[in-house]
Amino acid sequence: MAGVIQTTVRRSMPASLLLRVRHRSPGLANGLVGGALAAGLGLAAFTVLVMLLWVSSPYPDSGPGGALHVAAALWLLAHGAELVRVDTLSGAPAPMGVPPLLLAVVPVWLLHRAARDTAEGGARDNAPLMPGRTAWAGVVLGYLAVAAPAALYAAGGALRPSWAWTALCVPLVALVAAGTGVWTAYGRPSGPLEQVLGAVLPRGARHLVLGPDGRPGVAARAAAAGATVLVAGGAVLLTVSLGWHFGETRRTFGRLTEGWSGWLAVLLLCVTLLPNAAVWAAAYALGPGFLLGAGVAVTPLGARAAPLLPPFPLLAAVPDPGAGTALHGTVVALPLTAGVVVGWFVGRGSVTGGGRFGVWTTGRTAGAAAFAAGLCGVLMALLAGLAGGPLGTAALARFGPVWWQVGLATAVWLGLTAAATALTVRAWRLRRSYRRGERRADRGVAPRRRPALPRPARRERLPRRTGFKRKPGRSAPAPAPVAADEPYLLLDDDDGDDCAPGAPGDPGDLRGLHDGTDPFGLCPRPEPLDDLPTPYHPAAPGDTEPRPPA
């Protein structure tokens, strides 16, 4: 039989690789599509906004190509990347690195949603989720695949991205936002956070940041509340100052542009910069203040004039140049209020949320308050660093608060106030618990006492028995008394004559088979003894009725 040579059709190398990737990593393609879609939606939102302003502008400086370049540059600026303006009067490039914090919400939210939806994969409650690393890597790669061409396109406009800041900020935002999305899809497990905290914090302080149930710890909640109070208070200070300088604020609109379209553009720019201005006002209340250029500081103790400031509505809220007054000193109420809020959170948690440590001692409570103040200082330093940046060169090289000064001032202000408030709240809550009859927490757990058993009642002494006595002249003891409610037992005859050998009932005597006697040797039941004395029954306590004789 002739041999048969089997041949197979070999696929090309690209086709086999695509098939292998499709079968082995079914979620990678979904992640790539999700990341690219998130980047495309962000770019589309910025493009629509810029094109609307360009169309409504009475004096467009460039064509639609220039508007598209500006939209791509603003999208990169929302990630924190620094832009460079090349068409200056001096001809030297001028950096612009103050990112509007409100614009950063758009790419972060889109990335978070894309990663979460990719990890879930449209699965139901009982279906398994997509592998987290696969979904995370796919979303990040897809997002960067769109961000890179957008950065190249923005480099041809008047606002060009700084390549160093773009290469750092855009991937960092994509990694963090996509990671939080995957973490949310998996139910926010505490394992990854525990690993990160284990490498940064000592073991005794980890529960202050992350609780045993996976929720934020006492110090983390207190720090978040303190930062929220500071930023919200800064927004209130900004509103009050804008109202105080309302006339100047209104005049700046007319000096910047004319027409409703220009006023609308300036208003939108002010709205996107409102979070930045709130952080600046919070830094002003904390003491370090903010800079309006190189060497021009604005603090509650005084403000220097800044002649190079452009007319802008939000800059009209800056205090007037000169020494600070008592009215400017009232802003210290904001950090004091934030410290009280932080201390209240820690003081309440020291009694009710102690975890495995039980109720905290005074030293541990004060230390937790100081730790929460430090965490709040880190948050405020991060916000201060994001809210400021350069607006040019030389005198305009630095705008906004100095991040390390804001963080240090926050830790000092809130550390002193929060520690005193936390100890006060702790003592007050423990006193209330003590008044309610609960155990005092600072004494620890009371040792268990053995339950006191009831003492047995003293047994009454029974009267001496006199009914049964040995008969004089007999060596055999008297038979035991028979109870009244007990049947008669088989009593043996003392003499044993009835069961003697040869007598009826003897086992060896076979005459019982004929005369009806028991052939098995059992003695017949004798008649009851009538001459036995009546047994004595002692009366039970409380029993007064006499018993009838047996």
Protein backbone atom coordinates (compact mmCIF):
# COMPACT_ATOMS: atom_id res chain seq x y z
CA MET A 1 0.00 0.00 0.00
CA ALA A 2 1.38 3.29 -1.04
CA GLY A 3 2.12 5.77 1.72
CA VAL A 4 -0.11 8.76 2.08
CA ILE A 5 1.47 12.06 2.88
CA GLN A 6 -0.81 14.27 4.99
CA THR A 7 -0.56 17.97 4.43
CA THR A 8 -2.04 20.77 6.49
CA VAL A 9 -2.80 24.29 5.51
CA ARG A 10 -0.63 26.62 7.57
CA ARG A 11 -1.95 30.00 8.52
CA SER A 12 0.16 33.04 8.12
CA MET A 13 2.01 34.35 11.17
CA PRO A 14 -0.12 37.50 11.73
CA ALA A 15 -3.36 35.53 11.44
CA SER A 16 -2.18 32.89 13.94
CA LEU A 17 -1.06 35.57 16.40
CA LEU A 18 -4.39 37.35 16.20
CA LEU A 19 -6.27 34.10 16.71
CA ARG A 20 -4.08 33.19 19.67
CA VAL A 21 -4.59 36.56 21.29
CA ARG A 22 -8.32 36.33 20.68
CA HIS A 23 -8.62 32.92 22.36
CA ARG A 24 -6.20 33.47 25.23
CA SER A 25 -7.03 37.05 26.15
CA PRO A 26 -10.71 37.62 25.41
CA GLY A 27 -10.77 40.75 27.60
CA LEU A 28 -7.75 42.52 26.12
CA ALA A 29 -9.58 43.53 22.95
CA ASN A 30 -12.50 44.85 24.99
CA GLY A 31 -10.09 46.84 27.13
CA LEU A 32 -8.38 48.35 24.11
CA VAL A 33 -11.72 49.39 22.64
CA GLY A 34 -12.91 50.79 25.97
CA GLY A 35 -9.75 52.85 26.52
CA ALA A 36 -9.80 54.23 22.99
CA LEU A 37 -13.47 55.08 23.33
CA ALA A 38 -12.83 56.95 26.62
CA ALA A 39 -10.07 59.02 25.02
CA GLY A 40 -12.21 59.71 21.96
CA LEU A 41 -15.16 60.87 24.06
CA GLY A 42 -12.93 63.22 26.06
CA LEU A 43 -11.45 64.72 22.92
CA ALA A 44 -14.90 65.07 21.40
CA ALA A 45 -16.24 66.92 24.46
CA PHE A 46 -13.38 69.44 24.40
CA THR A 47 -13.67 69.82 20.62
CA VAL A 48 -17.39 70.59 20.77
CA LEU A 49 -16.88 73.21 23.47
CA VAL A 50 -14.02 74.95 21.66
CA MET A 51 -15.76 74.87 18.31
CA LEU A 52 -18.90 76.42 19.79
CA LEU A 53 -16.87 79.26 21.26
CA TRP A 54 -14.97 79.70 17.99
CA VAL A 55 -18.14 79.84 15.91
CA SER A 56 -19.79 82.35 18.25
CA SER A 57 -16.70 84.56 18.50
CA PRO A 58 -16.98 87.81 16.47
CA TYR A 59 -13.20 87.98 15.95
CA PRO A 60 -11.84 84.50 15.21
CA ASP A 61 -8.07 84.67 15.05
CA SER A 62 -7.61 81.40 13.16
CA GLY A 63 -9.57 78.87 11.16
CA PRO A 64 -11.14 75.61 12.33
CA GLY A 65 -7.72 73.97 12.28
CA GLY A 66 -6.49 76.33 14.98
CA ALA A 67 -9.59 75.62 17.09
CA LEU A 68 -8.97 71.88 16.81
CA HIS A 69 -5.35 72.35 17.89
CA VAL A 70 -6.53 74.34 20.92
CA ALA A 71 -9.05 71.60 21.82
CA ALA A 72 -6.35 68.90 21.75
CA ALA A 73 -4.05 71.08 23.84
CA LEU A 74 -6.76 71.75 26.45
CA TRP A 75 -7.47 68.00 26.63
CA LEU A 76 -3.80 67.39 27.47
CA LEU A 77 -3.86 70.28 29.96
CA ALA A 78 -6.76 68.58 31.77
CA HIS A 79 -4.40 65.67 32.50
CA GLY A 80 -1.91 68.04 34.16
CA ALA A 81 0.46 68.39 31.22
CA GLU A 82 2.14 71.76 30.86
CA LEU A 83 1.60 73.76 27.67
CA VAL A 84 4.00 76.14 25.94
CA ARG A 85 2.77 79.29 24.18
CA VAL A 86 4.99 80.19 21.25
CA ASP A 87 3.30 83.32 19.78
CA THR A 88 4.40 85.78 22.47
CA LEU A 89 5.35 89.44 22.04
CA SER A 90 8.93 88.80 23.06
CA GLY A 91 9.25 85.75 20.82
CA ALA A 92 10.37 83.53 23.70
CA PRO A 93 8.20 80.52 24.53
CA ALA A 94 6.12 81.01 27.68
CA PRO A 95 4.90 78.03 29.72
CA MET A 96 1.29 77.76 30.88
CA GLY A 97 0.96 75.21 33.62
CA VAL A 98 -2.13 76.06 35.68
CA PRO A 99 -4.50 73.17 34.91
CA PRO A 100 -8.19 73.88 35.60
CA LEU A 101 -9.15 71.27 38.20
CA LEU A 102 -12.72 71.10 36.97
CA LEU A 103 -11.58 69.98 33.52
CA ALA A 104 -9.66 67.07 35.06
CA VAL A 105 -12.97 65.49 36.08
CA VAL A 106 -13.81 64.61 32.45
CA PRO A 107 -10.87 62.29 31.57
CA VAL A 108 -10.73 60.78 35.05
CA TRP A 109 -14.44 59.91 35.03
CA LEU A 110 -14.31 58.47 31.50
CA LEU A 111 -11.30 56.29 32.32
CA HIS A 112 -12.90 55.08 35.54
CA ARG A 113 -16.12 54.09 33.78
CA ALA A 114 -14.30 52.41 30.89
CA ALA A 115 -12.16 50.27 33.22
CA ARG A 116 -15.10 49.33 35.41
CA ASP A 117 -17.30 48.32 32.49
CA THR A 118 -14.47 46.37 30.87
CA ALA A 119 -13.76 44.43 34.07
CA GLU A 120 -17.42 43.61 34.52
CA GLY A 121 -17.74 42.63 30.86
CA GLY A 122 -21.54 42.82 30.96
CA ALA A 123 -21.53 39.92 33.41
CA ARG A 124 -24.45 39.20 35.65
CA ASP A 125 -24.33 38.61 39.38
CA ASN A 126 -23.26 34.95 39.11
CA ALA A 127 -20.93 35.30 36.11
CA PRO A 128 -17.16 35.57 36.70
CA LEU A 129 -15.45 38.90 36.17
CA MET A 130 -12.73 39.56 33.65
CA PRO A 131 -9.15 39.29 34.99
CA GLY A 132 -8.25 42.60 36.56
CA ARG A 133 -4.79 42.93 35.07
CA THR A 134 -6.08 42.20 31.59
CA ALA A 135 -8.83 44.81 31.81
CA TRP A 136 -6.50 47.37 33.38
CA ALA A 137 -3.74 46.90 30.79
CA GLY A 138 -6.20 46.96 27.89
CA VAL A 139 -7.85 50.22 28.95
CA VAL A 140 -4.52 51.96 29.58
CA LEU A 141 -3.01 50.84 26.29
CA GLY A 142 -6.11 51.81 24.34
CA TYR A 143 -6.20 55.23 25.98
CA LEU A 144 -2.53 55.92 25.31
CA ALA A 145 -2.95 54.74 21.71
CA VAL A 146 -5.28 57.72 21.17
CA ALA A 147 -3.41 60.17 23.42
CA ALA A 148 -0.15 59.85 21.50
CA PRO A 149 -1.57 60.99 18.11
CA ALA A 150 -3.52 63.75 19.89
CA ALA A 151 -0.30 65.08 21.43
CA LEU A 152 1.45 64.97 18.06
CA TYR A 153 -1.45 66.87 16.51
CA ALA A 154 -1.49 69.49 19.28
CA ALA A 155 2.23 70.13 18.76
CA GLY A 156 1.46 71.91 15.51
CA GLY A 157 -0.68 74.66 17.09
CA ALA A 158 -0.05 77.82 19.04
CA LEU A 159 -0.31 75.96 22.37
CA ARG A 160 2.14 73.09 22.25
CA PRO A 161 2.42 70.42 24.91
CA SER A 162 5.60 69.99 26.91
CA TRP A 163 6.82 66.51 26.03
CA ALA A 164 8.30 65.80 29.45
CA TRP A 165 5.09 66.72 31.29
CA THR A 166 2.92 64.94 28.72
CA ALA A 167 4.92 61.71 28.98
CA LEU A 168 4.59 61.84 32.77
CA CYS A 169 1.07 63.10 33.46
CA VAL A 170 -1.06 61.39 30.81
CA PRO A 171 0.08 57.79 31.56
CA LEU A 172 -0.07 58.48 35.30
CA VAL A 173 -3.68 59.66 35.12
CA ALA A 174 -4.59 56.69 32.92
CA LEU A 175 -2.98 54.18 35.28
CA VAL A 176 -4.58 55.57 38.43
CA ALA A 177 -8.07 56.18 37.02
CA ALA A 178 -8.22 52.79 35.28
CA GLY A 179 -6.93 51.06 38.41
CA THR A 180 -9.69 52.57 40.52
CA GLY A 181 -12.24 51.46 37.95
CA VAL A 182 -11.09 47.83 38.05
CA TRP A 183 -10.92 47.99 41.85
CA THR A 184 -14.53 49.21 41.93
CA ALA A 185 -15.67 46.41 39.63
CA TYR A 186 -14.22 43.84 42.03
CA GLY A 187 -16.13 45.30 44.97
CA ARG A 188 -13.33 47.51 46.35
CA PRO A 189 -11.32 44.73 48.07
CA SER A 190 -8.94 45.77 50.82
CA GLY A 191 -6.09 43.47 49.77
CA PRO A 192 -4.32 45.86 47.37
CA LEU A 193 -4.62 48.74 49.84
CA GLU A 194 -3.25 46.59 52.64
CA GLN A 195 -0.21 45.73 50.55
CA VAL A 196 0.46 49.38 49.78
CA LEU A 197 -0.05 50.48 53.38
CA GLY A 198 2.11 47.64 54.65
CA ALA A 199 5.05 49.01 52.67
CA VAL A 200 4.53 52.61 53.81
CA LEU A 201 3.07 52.69 57.33
CA PRO A 202 3.99 50.80 60.51
CA ARG A 203 1.69 48.05 61.68
CA GLY A 204 0.17 50.03 64.53
CA ALA A 205 -1.00 52.86 62.24
CA ARG A 206 -2.48 50.86 59.36
CA HIS A 207 -5.88 50.43 60.97
CA LEU A 208 -6.16 54.22 61.20
CA VAL A 209 -6.15 54.44 57.40
CA LEU A 210 -7.92 51.18 56.52
CA GLY A 211 -10.39 49.57 58.91
CA PRO A 212 -10.71 45.82 59.50
CA ASP A 213 -13.87 45.70 57.36
CA GLY A 214 -12.16 47.29 54.35
CA ARG A 215 -13.64 50.73 54.88
CA PRO A 216 -11.57 53.86 55.48
CA GLY A 217 -10.19 54.06 59.00
CA VAL A 218 -10.81 56.74 61.60
CA ALA A 219 -7.83 58.89 60.59
CA ALA A 220 -8.63 58.62 56.87
CA ARG A 221 -12.23 59.72 57.39
CA ALA A 222 -11.13 62.56 59.65
CA ALA A 223 -8.50 63.76 57.14
CA ALA A 224 -11.00 63.70 54.28
CA ALA A 225 -13.51 65.65 56.38
CA GLY A 226 -10.86 68.22 57.32
CA ALA A 227 -9.79 68.73 53.69
CA THR A 228 -13.43 69.07 52.64
CA VAL A 229 -14.03 71.74 55.29
CA LEU A 230 -10.93 73.66 54.19
CA VAL A 231 -11.82 73.64 50.48
CA ALA A 232 -15.48 74.45 51.14
CA GLY A 233 -14.45 77.24 53.49
CA GLY A 234 -12.10 78.54 50.82
CA ALA A 235 -15.00 78.66 48.38
CA VAL A 236 -17.01 80.67 50.92
CA LEU A 237 -14.11 83.10 51.38
CA LEU A 238 -13.82 83.47 47.60
CA THR A 239 -17.53 84.23 47.27
CA VAL A 240 -17.39 86.83 50.04
CA SER A 241 -14.35 88.51 48.52
CA LEU A 242 -15.91 88.58 45.04
CA GLY A 243 -19.00 90.16 46.50
CA TRP A 244 -16.85 92.71 48.37
CA HIS A 245 -15.07 93.64 45.11
CA PHE A 246 -18.14 93.29 42.90
CA GLY A 247 -17.58 96.54 41.03
CA GLU A 248 -14.05 95.65 40.01
CA THR A 249 -15.13 92.15 39.07
CA ARG A 250 -17.77 93.48 36.71
CA ARG A 251 -15.36 95.95 35.09
CA THR A 252 -12.87 93.21 34.24
CA PHE A 253 -15.39 91.54 31.93
CA GLY A 254 -15.63 94.67 29.84
CA ARG A 255 -11.86 95.12 29.72
CA LEU A 256 -11.23 91.58 28.52
CA THR A 257 -13.74 91.20 25.71
CA GLU A 258 -16.89 92.60 24.14
CA GLY A 259 -20.09 90.87 23.20
CA TRP A 260 -22.02 88.06 24.80
CA SER A 261 -19.91 85.34 23.17
CA GLY A 262 -16.71 86.73 24.69
CA TRP A 263 -18.35 87.18 28.06
CA LEU A 264 -19.59 83.59 27.88
CA ALA A 265 -16.08 82.33 27.12
CA VAL A 266 -14.60 84.26 30.05
CA LEU A 267 -17.39 83.02 32.33
CA LEU A 268 -16.74 79.40 31.35
CA LEU A 269 -13.04 79.87 32.01
CA CYS A 270 -13.83 81.29 35.46
CA VAL A 271 -16.10 78.36 36.25
CA THR A 272 -13.42 75.82 35.34
CA LEU A 273 -10.95 77.67 37.59
CA LEU A 274 -13.27 77.90 40.61
CA PRO A 275 -11.78 74.81 42.36
CA ASN A 276 -8.30 76.29 41.90
CA ALA A 277 -9.44 79.59 43.42
CA ALA A 278 -11.05 77.75 46.36
CA VAL A 279 -7.73 76.00 47.12
CA TRP A 280 -5.93 79.36 46.88
CA ALA A 281 -8.37 80.87 49.38
CA ALA A 282 -7.88 77.92 51.75
CA ALA A 283 -4.10 78.42 51.54
CA TYR A 284 -4.66 82.09 52.35
CA ALA A 285 -6.67 81.17 55.47
CA LEU A 286 -4.01 78.69 56.60
CA GLY A 287 -1.34 81.41 56.62
CA PRO A 288 1.15 80.72 53.79
CA GLY A 289 -1.13 82.34 51.22
CA PHE A 290 -0.29 82.21 47.53
CA LEU A 291 2.06 83.81 45.01
CA LEU A 292 1.07 86.17 42.21
CA GLY A 293 4.47 86.01 40.62
CA ALA A 294 8.06 85.70 41.75
CA GLY A 295 8.39 87.31 45.18
CA VAL A 296 4.79 88.63 45.33
CA ALA A 297 3.12 86.87 48.26
CA VAL A 298 -0.43 87.43 49.51
CA THR A 299 -0.99 86.42 53.15
CA PRO A 300 -3.33 87.52 55.96
CA LEU A 301 -0.45 89.58 57.40
CA GLY A 302 -0.14 91.65 54.23
CA ALA A 303 -0.17 91.67 50.44
CA ARG A 304 2.21 93.18 47.93
CA ALA A 305 1.13 94.86 44.72
CA ALA A 306 1.47 92.87 41.52
CA PRO A 307 1.57 95.28 38.59
CA LEU A 308 1.89 92.59 35.93
CA LEU A 309 -1.45 90.94 36.69
CA PRO A 310 -3.83 90.74 33.73
CA PRO A 311 -7.41 91.87 34.27
CA PHE A 312 -9.29 88.73 35.23
CA PRO A 313 -12.52 88.40 37.28
CA LEU A 314 -11.17 85.87 39.79
CA LEU A 315 -8.07 87.99 40.44
CA ALA A 316 -10.34 90.83 41.53
CA ALA A 317 -10.94 88.87 44.76
CA VAL A 318 -7.29 89.34 45.80
CA PRO A 319 -7.04 91.53 48.93
CA ASP A 320 -5.87 95.07 48.48
CA PRO A 321 -2.11 95.70 48.84
CA GLY A 322 -0.96 96.70 52.30
CA ALA A 323 -0.70 95.34 55.81
CA GLY A 324 -3.31 92.96 57.08
CA THR A 325 -6.10 94.15 59.34
CA ALA A 326 -8.25 92.50 61.98
CA LEU A 327 -10.77 91.66 59.28
CA HIS A 328 -8.13 89.70 57.39
CA GLY A 329 -7.22 87.92 60.62
CA THR A 330 -10.70 86.48 61.00
CA VAL A 331 -9.87 83.90 58.35
CA VAL A 332 -8.10 81.83 61.02
CA ALA A 333 -11.56 80.59 61.98
CA LEU A 334 -11.42 78.28 58.96
CA PRO A 335 -8.44 76.12 60.05
CA LEU A 336 -9.77 76.12 63.63
CA THR A 337 -13.11 74.79 62.38
CA ALA A 338 -11.38 72.15 60.29
CA GLY A 339 -9.34 71.08 63.33
CA VAL A 340 -12.49 70.76 65.43
CA VAL A 341 -14.10 68.58 62.74
CA VAL A 342 -11.04 66.33 62.56
CA GLY A 343 -10.90 66.05 66.35
CA TRP A 344 -14.59 65.20 66.55
CA PHE A 345 -14.16 62.33 64.08
CA VAL A 346 -11.16 60.96 65.98
CA GLY A 347 -12.77 61.41 69.41
CA ARG A 348 -15.89 59.58 68.35
CA GLY A 349 -13.87 56.80 66.75
CA SER A 350 -11.74 56.37 69.87
CA VAL A 351 -14.82 55.19 71.78
CA THR A 352 -17.03 53.51 69.18
CA GLY A 353 -14.63 52.48 66.42
CA GLY A 354 -11.61 51.22 68.32
CA GLY A 355 -11.56 47.82 66.64
CA ARG A 356 -9.32 45.21 68.21
CA PHE A 357 -7.75 47.79 70.50
CA GLY A 358 -11.04 48.45 72.30
CA VAL A 359 -11.44 51.94 73.65
CA TRP A 360 -8.32 54.01 73.04
CA THR A 361 -6.26 55.58 75.75
CA THR A 362 -5.64 59.32 75.92
CA GLY A 363 -2.20 58.97 74.37
CA ARG A 364 -3.45 56.86 71.50
CA THR A 365 -6.32 59.29 70.87
CA ALA A 366 -3.98 62.29 70.72
CA GLY A 367 -1.61 60.39 68.44
CA ALA A 368 -4.46 59.43 66.09
CA ALA A 369 -5.56 63.07 65.93
CA ALA A 370 -2.03 64.17 65.03
CA PHE A 371 -1.81 61.41 62.42
CA ALA A 372 -5.13 62.51 60.88
CA ALA A 373 -3.86 66.10 60.76
CA GLY A 374 -0.77 64.88 58.91
CA LEU A 375 -2.90 63.01 56.37
CA CYS A 376 -4.98 66.14 55.84
CA GLY A 377 -1.76 68.09 55.30
CA VAL A 378 -0.74 65.62 52.59
CA LEU A 379 -4.09 66.02 50.84
CA MET A 380 -3.92 69.81 50.96
CA ALA A 381 -0.32 69.81 49.72
CA LEU A 382 -1.40 67.67 46.76
CA LEU A 383 -4.28 70.00 45.94
CA ALA A 384 -2.07 73.07 46.28
CA GLY A 385 0.49 71.58 43.91
CA LEU A 386 -2.19 70.84 41.30
CA ALA A 387 -3.92 74.21 41.65
CA GLY A 388 -0.88 76.32 40.80
CA GLY A 389 1.80 76.57 38.17
CA PRO A 390 3.59 78.98 35.86
CA LEU A 391 1.88 81.45 33.56
CA GLY A 392 4.99 82.73 31.86
CA THR A 393 8.65 83.44 32.49
CA ALA A 394 10.54 85.67 34.90
CA ALA A 395 7.98 87.38 37.16
CA LEU A 396 5.15 85.09 36.03
CA ALA A 397 7.07 81.88 36.60
CA ARG A 398 5.10 80.95 39.71
CA PHE A 399 1.41 81.36 40.39
CA GLY A 400 -0.56 79.84 43.23
CA PRO A 401 0.24 78.42 46.68
CA VAL A 402 3.49 76.70 47.57
CA TRP A 403 2.57 73.07 48.19
CA TRP A 404 4.98 72.23 51.01
CA GLN A 405 4.12 75.38 52.96
CA VAL A 406 0.41 74.59 52.72
CA GLY A 407 0.92 71.00 53.86
CA LEU A 408 3.06 72.01 56.83
CA ALA A 409 0.65 74.75 57.93
CA THR A 410 -2.28 72.33 57.70
CA ALA A 411 -0.53 69.74 59.84
CA VAL A 412 0.37 72.31 62.52
CA TRP A 413 -3.01 74.05 62.69
CA LEU A 414 -5.09 70.91 62.66
CA GLY A 415 -2.70 68.89 64.83
CA LEU A 416 -3.05 71.19 67.85
CA THR A 417 -6.78 71.80 67.48
CA ALA A 418 -7.71 68.22 66.64
CA ALA A 419 -5.80 66.71 69.57
CA ALA A 420 -7.55 68.94 72.12
CA THR A 421 -10.96 68.37 70.52
CA ALA A 422 -10.48 64.60 70.30
CA LEU A 423 -9.58 64.31 74.01
CA THR A 424 -12.57 66.46 74.95
CA VAL A 425 -15.00 64.42 72.86
CA ARG A 426 -13.57 61.18 74.22
CA ALA A 427 -13.97 62.27 77.85
CA TRP A 428 -17.49 63.53 77.22
CA ARG A 429 -18.64 60.31 75.54
CA LEU A 430 -17.07 58.13 78.22
CA ARG A 431 -18.77 60.19 80.91
CA ARG A 432 -22.11 59.70 79.22
CA SER A 433 -21.49 55.97 79.00
CA TYR A 434 -20.58 55.86 82.68
CA ARG A 435 -23.75 57.67 83.63
CA ARG A 436 -25.80 55.16 81.69
CA GLY A 437 -24.37 52.36 83.78
CA GLU A 438 -21.91 51.00 81.26
CA ARG A 439 -18.40 50.07 82.18
CA ARG A 440 -15.70 52.72 82.10
CA ALA A 441 -13.52 52.21 79.07
CA ASP A 442 -10.22 53.40 80.48
CA ARG A 443 -10.29 50.74 83.20
CA GLY A 444 -10.35 47.98 80.66
CA VAL A 445 -12.51 44.90 80.83
CA ALA A 446 -13.55 44.00 84.36
CA PRO A 447 -12.48 40.49 85.45
CA ARG A 448 -15.20 37.90 85.56
CA ARG A 449 -16.43 36.94 88.97
CA ARG A 450 -17.64 33.51 89.88
CA PRO A 451 -21.40 33.51 90.30
CA ALA A 452 -22.48 33.37 93.93
CA LEU A 453 -24.38 30.15 94.48
CA PRO A 454 -27.34 30.22 96.88
CA ARG A 455 -26.48 28.79 100.30
CA PRO A 456 -28.38 25.57 101.03
CA ALA A 457 -31.04 25.70 103.70
CA ARG A 458 -30.00 24.32 107.08
CA ARG A 459 -31.24 20.78 107.48
CA GLU A 460 -33.42 20.21 110.51
CA ARG A 461 -32.31 17.54 112.89
CA LEU A 462 -34.60 14.56 112.73
CA PRO A 463 -35.84 13.07 115.99
CA ARG A 464 -34.15 9.92 117.23
CA ARG A 465 -35.76 6.74 116.09
CA THR A 466 -37.32 4.72 118.89
CA GLY A 467 -39.69 2.42 117.05
CA PHE A 468 -37.12 -0.22 116.10
CA LYS A 469 -35.00 -1.65 118.90
CA ARG A 470 -33.27 -4.90 119.30
CA LYS A 471 -35.24 -7.36 121.35
CA PRO A 472 -33.50 -8.35 124.55
CA GLY A 473 -32.01 -11.76 124.35
CA ARG A 474 -31.87 -11.95 120.48
CA SER A 475 -28.65 -11.66 118.55
CA ALA A 476 -30.27 -11.32 115.12
CA PRO A 477 -31.12 -7.75 114.07
CA ALA A 478 -34.70 -6.72 113.69
CA PRO A 479 -36.07 -6.75 110.13
CA ALA A 480 -36.03 -3.44 108.26
CA PRO A 481 -39.27 -1.51 108.24
CA VAL A 482 -41.46 -1.77 105.17
CA ALA A 483 -42.84 1.40 103.68
CA ALA A 484 -46.59 1.83 103.45
CA ASP A 485 -46.54 2.30 99.67
CA GLU A 486 -44.08 -0.49 98.98
CA PRO A 487 -45.36 -4.04 98.17
CA TYR A 488 -44.42 -6.92 100.31
CA LEU A 489 -41.20 -8.62 99.31
CA LEU A 490 -40.44 -12.29 99.31
CA LEU A 491 -39.45 -12.79 102.92
CA ASP A 492 -37.30 -15.81 103.73
CA ASP A 493 -38.03 -17.89 106.79
CA ASP A 494 -35.39 -17.51 109.43
CA ASP A 495 -35.60 -21.16 110.45
CA GLY A 496 -35.49 -22.53 106.86
CA ASP A 497 -37.54 -25.58 107.82
CA ASP A 498 -40.02 -25.22 105.02
CA CYS A 499 -37.33 -25.72 102.40
CA ALA A 500 -35.53 -28.60 104.04
CA PRO A 501 -34.49 -31.55 101.89
CA GLY A 502 -37.26 -33.95 101.36
CA ALA A 503 -39.93 -31.46 102.15
CA PRO A 504 -42.42 -30.37 99.59
CA GLY A 505 -40.84 -27.84 97.31
CA ASP A 506 -37.39 -29.40 97.54
CA PRO A 507 -35.74 -29.61 94.08
CA GLY A 508 -34.87 -33.22 94.64
CA ASP A 509 -38.40 -34.21 95.50
CA LEU A 510 -40.42 -35.21 92.40
CA ARG A 511 -43.66 -35.64 94.31
CA GLY A 512 -44.53 -32.05 93.56
CA LEU A 513 -45.38 -33.05 90.01
CA HIS A 514 -48.36 -35.04 91.30
CA ASP A 515 -49.54 -33.11 94.36
CA GLY A 516 -49.37 -29.61 92.82
CA THR A 517 -46.43 -28.25 94.82
CA ASP A 518 -43.65 -26.20 93.22
CA PRO A 519 -40.97 -28.63 91.96
CA PHE A 520 -38.36 -25.83 91.43
CA GLY A 521 -37.57 -25.22 95.09
CA LEU A 522 -39.27 -21.89 95.57
CA CYS A 523 -40.62 -21.41 99.03
CA PRO A 524 -44.26 -20.56 99.30
CA ARG A 525 -45.13 -16.96 100.27
CA PRO A 526 -45.77 -16.85 104.01
CA GLU A 527 -48.64 -14.91 105.43
CA PRO A 528 -48.06 -11.32 106.57
CA LEU A 529 -46.71 -11.02 110.04
CA ASP A 530 -49.25 -9.44 112.23
CA ASP A 531 -47.05 -9.13 115.27
CA LEU A 532 -44.56 -6.69 113.70
CA PRO A 533 -44.55 -3.26 115.32
CA THR A 534 -45.87 -0.29 113.38
CA PRO A 535 -42.98 1.45 111.48
CA TYR A 536 -42.19 5.03 112.38
CA HIS A 537 -42.47 7.65 109.61
CA PRO A 538 -41.03 11.06 110.46
CA ALA A 539 -43.22 13.96 109.49
CA ALA A 540 -41.98 16.15 106.66
CA PRO A 541 -41.60 19.88 107.32
CA GLY A 542 -44.98 21.56 106.98
CA ASP A 543 -46.89 18.26 107.19
CA THR A 544 -49.19 18.43 110.20
CA GLU A 545 -51.69 15.69 109.32
CA PRO A 546 -50.94 12.32 110.91
CA ARG A 547 -50.22 9.41 108.62
CA PRO A 548 -52.45 6.35 108.90
CA PRO A 549 -50.72 3.25 110.15
CA ALA A 550 -49.39 0.89 107.50
